[in-house]
N, C-alpha and C. Protein backbone atom coordinates (compact mmCIF):
# COMPACT_ATOMS: atom_id res chain seq x y z
N MET A 1 0.84 -1.18 0.00
CA MET A 1 0.00 0.00 0.00
C MET A 1 0.89 1.25 0.00
N ASP A 2 0.61 2.16 -0.88
CA ASP A 2 1.37 3.40 -1.00
C ASP A 2 0.66 4.48 -0.18
N ILE A 3 1.23 4.87 0.97
CA ILE A 3 0.56 5.85 1.83
C ILE A 3 0.54 7.25 1.24
N ARG A 4 1.33 7.49 0.21
CA ARG A 4 1.36 8.82 -0.38
C ARG A 4 0.05 9.18 -1.05
N GLN A 5 -0.82 8.23 -1.21
CA GLN A 5 -2.12 8.51 -1.82
C GLN A 5 -3.17 8.85 -0.77
N HIS A 6 -2.78 8.89 0.50
CA HIS A 6 -3.74 9.06 1.58
C HIS A 6 -3.71 10.47 2.16
N THR A 7 -4.86 10.88 2.68
CA THR A 7 -5.02 12.19 3.29
C THR A 7 -5.35 12.03 4.77
N VAL A 8 -4.68 12.84 5.59
CA VAL A 8 -4.93 12.86 7.03
C VAL A 8 -5.38 14.26 7.42
N LEU A 9 -6.44 14.33 8.21
CA LEU A 9 -6.91 15.60 8.75
C LEU A 9 -6.45 15.69 10.20
N ILE A 10 -5.76 16.77 10.54
CA ILE A 10 -5.35 17.03 11.91
C ILE A 10 -6.29 18.09 12.48
N ALA A 11 -6.95 17.78 13.58
CA ALA A 11 -7.79 18.75 14.29
C ALA A 11 -7.05 19.11 15.57
N GLU A 12 -6.44 20.27 15.58
CA GLU A 12 -5.57 20.69 16.69
C GLU A 12 -5.59 22.21 16.80
N ASP A 13 -5.89 22.73 17.98
CA ASP A 13 -5.96 24.18 18.15
C ASP A 13 -4.61 24.83 18.46
N SER A 14 -3.61 24.05 18.80
CA SER A 14 -2.28 24.58 19.06
C SER A 14 -1.49 24.63 17.75
N PRO A 15 -1.15 25.83 17.27
CA PRO A 15 -0.39 25.93 16.02
C PRO A 15 0.95 25.18 16.08
N THR A 16 1.60 25.20 17.22
CA THR A 16 2.89 24.52 17.37
C THR A 16 2.73 23.01 17.23
N GLN A 17 1.76 22.45 17.93
CA GLN A 17 1.51 21.00 17.86
C GLN A 17 1.09 20.60 16.45
N ALA A 18 0.19 21.37 15.86
CA ALA A 18 -0.31 21.05 14.52
C ALA A 18 0.82 21.08 13.49
N SER A 19 1.65 22.10 13.58
CA SER A 19 2.76 22.24 12.63
C SER A 19 3.74 21.09 12.75
N SER A 20 4.06 20.71 13.96
CA SER A 20 5.00 19.60 14.18
C SER A 20 4.45 18.29 13.63
N LEU A 21 3.20 18.01 13.93
CA LEU A 21 2.57 16.79 13.44
C LEU A 21 2.43 16.80 11.92
N GLN A 22 2.04 17.95 11.37
CA GLN A 22 1.89 18.07 9.92
C GLN A 22 3.22 17.83 9.22
N GLU A 23 4.27 18.42 9.74
CA GLU A 23 5.60 18.25 9.14
C GLU A 23 6.01 16.78 9.13
N THR A 24 5.79 16.10 10.24
CA THR A 24 6.15 14.68 10.34
C THR A 24 5.38 13.84 9.33
N LEU A 25 4.09 14.07 9.23
CA LEU A 25 3.26 13.29 8.31
C LEU A 25 3.61 13.59 6.85
N GLU A 26 3.86 14.86 6.54
CA GLU A 26 4.22 15.22 5.17
C GLU A 26 5.57 14.62 4.77
N GLU A 27 6.49 14.51 5.72
CA GLU A 27 7.78 13.87 5.44
C GLU A 27 7.60 12.41 5.04
N LYS A 28 6.53 11.79 5.51
CA LYS A 28 6.22 10.40 5.17
C LYS A 28 5.45 10.31 3.85
N GLY A 29 5.13 11.47 3.27
CA GLY A 29 4.46 11.48 1.98
C GLY A 29 2.95 11.60 2.02
N LEU A 30 2.40 11.84 3.20
CA LEU A 30 0.95 11.97 3.31
C LEU A 30 0.50 13.38 2.97
N ARG A 31 -0.69 13.49 2.44
CA ARG A 31 -1.33 14.79 2.23
C ARG A 31 -2.00 15.15 3.56
N VAL A 32 -1.76 16.35 4.07
CA VAL A 32 -2.26 16.73 5.39
C VAL A 32 -3.13 17.97 5.31
N LEU A 33 -4.28 17.89 5.96
CA LEU A 33 -5.18 19.02 6.12
C LEU A 33 -5.20 19.40 7.59
N HIS A 34 -5.48 20.67 7.89
CA HIS A 34 -5.50 21.11 9.29
C HIS A 34 -6.77 21.89 9.60
N ALA A 35 -7.41 21.51 10.69
CA ALA A 35 -8.55 22.23 11.24
C ALA A 35 -8.17 22.72 12.62
N SER A 36 -8.54 23.95 12.96
CA SER A 36 -8.14 24.50 14.25
C SER A 36 -9.18 24.32 15.35
N ASP A 37 -10.33 23.76 15.00
CA ASP A 37 -11.34 23.45 16.02
C ASP A 37 -12.23 22.31 15.52
N GLY A 38 -13.07 21.81 16.42
CA GLY A 38 -13.90 20.66 16.09
C GLY A 38 -14.93 20.92 15.01
N ILE A 39 -15.52 22.10 15.03
CA ILE A 39 -16.54 22.43 14.03
C ILE A 39 -15.91 22.46 12.63
N GLN A 40 -14.75 23.09 12.53
CA GLN A 40 -14.05 23.12 11.24
C GLN A 40 -13.64 21.71 10.82
N ALA A 41 -13.25 20.87 11.77
CA ALA A 41 -12.87 19.49 11.46
C ALA A 41 -14.04 18.73 10.84
N LEU A 42 -15.24 18.89 11.41
CA LEU A 42 -16.42 18.22 10.84
C LEU A 42 -16.69 18.69 9.42
N GLU A 43 -16.61 20.00 9.19
CA GLU A 43 -16.85 20.55 7.86
C GLU A 43 -15.82 20.02 6.86
N MET A 44 -14.56 19.99 7.26
CA MET A 44 -13.50 19.52 6.36
C MET A 44 -13.60 18.03 6.10
N THR A 45 -14.06 17.27 7.09
CA THR A 45 -14.25 15.83 6.90
C THR A 45 -15.30 15.56 5.83
N LYS A 46 -16.39 16.32 5.87
CA LYS A 46 -17.45 16.15 4.87
C LYS A 46 -16.96 16.55 3.47
N GLU A 47 -16.17 17.61 3.41
CA GLU A 47 -15.72 18.13 2.12
C GLU A 47 -14.60 17.30 1.50
N HIS A 48 -13.64 16.86 2.30
CA HIS A 48 -12.43 16.22 1.77
C HIS A 48 -12.37 14.71 1.94
N LEU A 49 -13.22 14.13 2.79
CA LEU A 49 -13.25 12.69 3.04
C LEU A 49 -11.85 12.12 3.31
N PRO A 50 -11.18 12.59 4.37
CA PRO A 50 -9.83 12.10 4.65
C PRO A 50 -9.83 10.62 5.02
N ASP A 51 -8.69 9.98 4.82
CA ASP A 51 -8.53 8.57 5.16
C ASP A 51 -8.40 8.37 6.67
N ALA A 52 -7.87 9.36 7.36
CA ALA A 52 -7.72 9.30 8.81
C ALA A 52 -7.86 10.70 9.39
N VAL A 53 -8.32 10.76 10.63
CA VAL A 53 -8.46 12.03 11.34
C VAL A 53 -7.78 11.90 12.69
N ILE A 54 -6.91 12.85 13.00
CA ILE A 54 -6.26 12.91 14.30
C ILE A 54 -6.90 14.06 15.06
N LEU A 55 -7.55 13.74 16.19
CA LEU A 55 -8.31 14.73 16.95
C LEU A 55 -7.65 15.07 18.27
N ASP A 56 -7.51 16.36 18.52
CA ASP A 56 -7.13 16.84 19.84
C ASP A 56 -8.37 16.70 20.73
N ILE A 57 -8.18 16.28 21.97
CA ILE A 57 -9.32 16.11 22.86
C ILE A 57 -9.88 17.45 23.30
N GLU A 58 -9.02 18.41 23.65
CA GLU A 58 -9.48 19.70 24.15
C GLU A 58 -9.31 20.78 23.09
N MET A 59 -10.42 21.18 22.48
CA MET A 59 -10.43 22.24 21.48
C MET A 59 -11.62 23.15 21.75
N PRO A 60 -11.55 24.39 21.30
CA PRO A 60 -12.69 25.30 21.48
C PRO A 60 -13.85 24.92 20.57
N GLY A 61 -15.04 25.29 20.97
CA GLY A 61 -16.23 25.05 20.15
C GLY A 61 -16.78 23.65 20.30
N MET A 62 -16.04 22.69 19.84
CA MET A 62 -16.43 21.28 19.91
C MET A 62 -15.15 20.48 20.10
N ASN A 63 -15.09 19.69 21.16
CA ASN A 63 -13.85 18.97 21.44
C ASN A 63 -13.75 17.69 20.61
N GLY A 64 -12.59 17.05 20.67
CA GLY A 64 -12.34 15.86 19.87
C GLY A 64 -13.29 14.72 20.15
N LEU A 65 -13.70 14.56 21.40
CA LEU A 65 -14.65 13.50 21.74
C LEU A 65 -16.01 13.76 21.12
N GLU A 66 -16.44 15.01 21.10
CA GLU A 66 -17.72 15.35 20.49
C GLU A 66 -17.68 15.16 18.98
N VAL A 67 -16.55 15.45 18.37
CA VAL A 67 -16.40 15.29 16.93
C VAL A 67 -16.47 13.82 16.54
N SER A 68 -15.84 12.96 17.34
CA SER A 68 -15.80 11.54 17.00
C SER A 68 -17.15 10.90 17.21
């Protein structure tokens, strides 16, 4: 399986954490999308249909548990 064909959505409100995780995943060849809160993560999931979603538990608006 070639992971370079896959998209991961990161839902993380900390720019530092999101950037670090995004950089790591992109180095592995994954396409990465970023949402800064749970509501945006839900909208992006519907629009982009990512293969995987990484959710922060504590985010403003809607937390990771509510999104899942």
